[in-house]
Amino acid sequence: MTKTTLTRAQLAEALYQQVGLSRNESAEHVEAVLSEISDRLIGGEIVKISSFGTLQVRQKNGRIGRNPKTGEEVPIDPRRVLVFKASHVLKDKINSGDK
């Protein structure tokens, strides 16, 4: 498996080629979608994308952690974390190797 990264520019290029919008319009649409997803997550909403998965922000409580090297106890502050759960459709595609 090769390790490559899908970028905003690549998403915009795919939109340009498959839909036929101009490159600028394609980039604007990609930015608008990503911005809307970000805004909804920041606002505490759950984002469900059919046949892809669910994005959600969860609150983690503060706790006492331990430095594995020194054994020293270190406080870990409460924080918000982003959680992604893949849909069964996406999981099935990944496991079957379909593209």
C-alpha atoms as a PDB file:
ATOM      1  CA  MET A   1       0.000   0.000   0.000  1.00  0.00           C
ATOM      2  CA  THR A   2       1.435   3.359  -0.984  1.00  0.00           C
ATOM      3  CA  LYS A   3       1.216   6.260   1.428  1.00  0.00           C
ATOM      4  CA  THR A   4      -0.060   9.305  -0.406  1.00  0.00           C
ATOM      5  CA  THR A   5      -2.123  12.245   0.771  1.00  0.00           C
ATOM      6  CA  LEU A   6      -5.273  13.525  -0.879  1.00  0.00           C
ATOM      7  CA  THR A   7      -5.089  17.325  -0.984  1.00  0.00           C
ATOM      8  CA  ARG A   8      -7.654  20.070  -1.479  1.00  0.00           C
ATOM      9  CA  ALA A   9      -6.100  20.774  -4.871  1.00  0.00           C
ATOM     10  CA  GLN A  10      -6.576  17.149  -5.911  1.00  0.00           C
ATOM     11  CA  LEU A  11     -10.210  17.224  -4.788  1.00  0.00           C
ATOM     12  CA  ALA A  12     -10.772  20.414  -6.767  1.00  0.00           C
ATOM     13  CA  GLU A  13      -9.075  18.885  -9.831  1.00  0.00           C
ATOM     14  CA  ALA A  14     -11.282  15.782  -9.603  1.00  0.00           C
ATOM     15  CA  LEU A  15     -14.360  18.002  -9.375  1.00  0.00           C
ATOM     16  CA  TYR A  16     -13.139  20.003 -12.370  1.00  0.00           C
ATOM     17  CA  GLN A  17     -12.615  16.857 -14.469  1.00  0.00           C
ATOM     18  CA  GLN A  18     -15.735  14.945 -13.462  1.00  0.00           C
ATOM     19  CA  VAL A  19     -18.318  17.731 -13.224  1.00  0.00           C
ATOM     20  CA  GLY A  20     -16.932  20.238 -15.696  1.00  0.00           C
ATOM     21  CA  LEU A  21     -16.855  23.300 -13.457  1.00  0.00           C
ATOM     22  CA  SER A  22     -14.014  25.752 -13.902  1.00  0.00           C
ATOM     23  CA  ARG A  23     -10.932  25.150 -11.767  1.00  0.00           C
ATOM     24  CA  ASN A  24     -11.716  28.226  -9.653  1.00  0.00           C
ATOM     25  CA  GLU A  25     -15.326  27.156  -9.114  1.00  0.00           C
ATOM     26  CA  SER A  26     -14.193  23.649  -8.222  1.00  0.00           C
ATOM     27  CA  ALA A  27     -11.743  24.974  -5.631  1.00  0.00           C
ATOM     28  CA  GLU A  28     -14.435  27.247  -4.191  1.00  0.00           C
ATOM     29  CA  HIS A  29     -16.859  24.329  -3.860  1.00  0.00           C
ATOM     30  CA  VAL A  30     -14.266  22.164  -2.109  1.00  0.00           C
ATOM     31  CA  GLU A  31     -13.499  25.014   0.309  1.00  0.00           C
ATOM     32  CA  ALA A  32     -17.209  25.605   0.936  1.00  0.00           C
ATOM     33  CA  VAL A  33     -17.862  21.941   1.766  1.00  0.00           C
ATOM     34  CA  LEU A  34     -14.867  21.666   4.084  1.00  0.00           C
ATOM     35  CA  SER A  35     -15.748  24.952   5.757  1.00  0.00           C
ATOM     36  CA  GLU A  36     -19.343  23.842   6.338  1.00  0.00           C
ATOM     37  CA  ILE A  37     -18.190  20.542   7.855  1.00  0.00           C
ATOM     38  CA  SER A  38     -15.715  22.368  10.123  1.00  0.00           C
ATOM     39  CA  ASP A  39     -18.287  24.944  11.230  1.00  0.00           C
ATOM     40  CA  ARG A  40     -20.830  22.246  12.084  1.00  0.00           C
ATOM     41  CA  LEU A  41     -18.288  20.259  14.104  1.00  0.00           C
ATOM     42  CA  ILE A  42     -17.149  23.371  15.982  1.00  0.00           C
ATOM     43  CA  GLY A  43     -20.812  24.071  16.737  1.00  0.00           C
ATOM     44  CA  GLY A  44     -21.156  20.662  18.381  1.00  0.00           C
ATOM     45  CA  GLU A  45     -23.139  18.962  15.628  1.00  0.00           C
ATOM     46  CA  ILE A  46     -22.587  15.444  14.314  1.00  0.00           C
ATOM     47  CA  VAL A  47     -21.753  15.304  10.590  1.00  0.00           C
ATOM     48  CA  LYS A  48     -23.034  12.198   8.789  1.00  0.00           C
ATOM     49  CA  ILE A  49     -22.001  11.635   5.186  1.00  0.00           C
ATOM     50  CA  SER A  50     -24.015   8.826   3.630  1.00  0.00           C
ATOM     51  CA  SER A  51     -21.950   5.796   2.539  1.00  0.00           C
ATOM     52  CA  PHE A  52     -18.820   7.410   4.005  1.00  0.00           C
ATOM     53  CA  GLY A  53     -19.044   7.882   7.757  1.00  0.00           C
ATOM     54  CA  THR A  54     -19.768  10.053  10.760  1.00  0.00           C
ATOM     55  CA  LEU A  55     -17.636  12.837  12.235  1.00  0.00           C
ATOM     56  CA  GLN A  56     -18.191  13.946  15.806  1.00  0.00           C
ATOM     57  CA  VAL A  57     -16.422  16.056  18.420  1.00  0.00           C
ATOM     58  CA  ARG A  58     -16.256  14.444  21.859  1.00  0.00           C
ATOM     59  CA  GLN A  59     -15.214  15.901  25.182  1.00  0.00           C
ATOM     60  CA  LYS A  60     -12.463  14.041  27.043  1.00  0.00           C
ATOM     61  CA  ASN A  61     -12.088  14.598  30.769  1.00  0.00           C
ATOM     62  CA  GLY A  62      -8.844  15.581  32.406  1.00  0.00           C
ATOM     63  CA  ARG A  63      -6.848  12.785  33.969  1.00  0.00           C
ATOM     64  CA  ILE A  64      -3.471  11.895  35.379  1.00  0.00           C
ATOM     65  CA  GLY A  65      -1.128  10.355  32.816  1.00  0.00           C
ATOM     66  CA  ARG A  66       2.269   8.824  33.261  1.00  0.00           C
ATOM     67  CA  ASN A  67       5.453   9.536  31.336  1.00  0.00           C
ATOM     68  CA  PRO A  68       6.461   6.033  30.163  1.00  0.00           C
ATOM     69  CA  LYS A  69      10.153   6.878  30.172  1.00  0.00           C
ATOM     70  CA  THR A  70      10.448   8.403  33.650  1.00  0.00           C
ATOM     71  CA  GLY A  71       7.296   7.108  35.343  1.00  0.00           C
ATOM     72  CA  GLU A  72       6.492  10.665  36.427  1.00  0.00           C
ATOM     73  CA  GLU A  73       2.787  11.480  36.762  1.00  0.00           C
ATOM     74  CA  VAL A  74       1.628  14.300  34.514  1.00  0.00           C
ATOM     75  CA  PRO A  75      -1.802  15.975  34.478  1.00  0.00           C
ATOM     76  CA  ILE A  76      -3.585  15.802  31.111  1.00  0.00           C
ATOM     77  CA  ASP A  77      -6.005  18.687  30.584  1.00  0.00           C
ATOM     78  CA  PRO A  78      -9.606  18.149  29.425  1.00  0.00           C
ATOM     79  CA  ARG A  79      -9.928  18.550  25.682  1.00  0.00           C
ATOM     80  CA  ARG A  80     -12.160  18.040  22.669  1.00  0.00           C
ATOM     81  CA  VAL A  81     -11.231  15.358  20.149  1.00  0.00           C
ATOM     82  CA  LEU A  82     -12.475  14.610  16.653  1.00  0.00           C
ATOM     83  CA  VAL A  83     -13.817  11.087  16.152  1.00  0.00           C
ATOM     84  CA  PHE A  84     -14.522   9.442  12.788  1.00  0.00           C
ATOM     85  CA  LYS A  85     -16.566   6.275  12.414  1.00  0.00           C
ATOM     86  CA  ALA A  86     -16.572   4.757   8.947  1.00  0.00           C
ATOM     87  CA  SER A  87     -19.868   3.543   7.499  1.00  0.00           C
ATOM     88  CA  HIS A  88     -20.399  -0.122   6.740  1.00  0.00           C
ATOM     89  CA  VAL A  89     -20.427   0.733   3.031  1.00  0.00           C
ATOM     90  CA  LEU A  90     -16.961   2.314   3.267  1.00  0.00           C
ATOM     91  CA  LYS A  91     -15.644  -0.537   5.412  1.00  0.00           C
ATOM     92  CA  ASP A  92     -16.915  -3.078   2.887  1.00  0.00           C
ATOM     93  CA  LYS A  93     -15.284  -1.187  -0.002  1.00  0.00           C
ATOM     94  CA  ILE A  94     -11.965  -1.010   1.840  1.00  0.00           C
ATOM     95  CA  ASN A  95     -12.010  -4.683   2.734  1.00  0.00           C
ATOM     96  CA  SER A  96     -13.029  -5.851  -0.742  1.00  0.00           C
ATOM     97  CA  GLY A  97     -10.392  -3.701  -2.447  1.00  0.00           C
ATOM     98  CA  ASP A  98     -12.921  -1.981  -4.765  1.00  0.00           C
ATOM     99  CA  LYS A  99     -11.949   1.398  -6.159  1.00  0.00           C
END
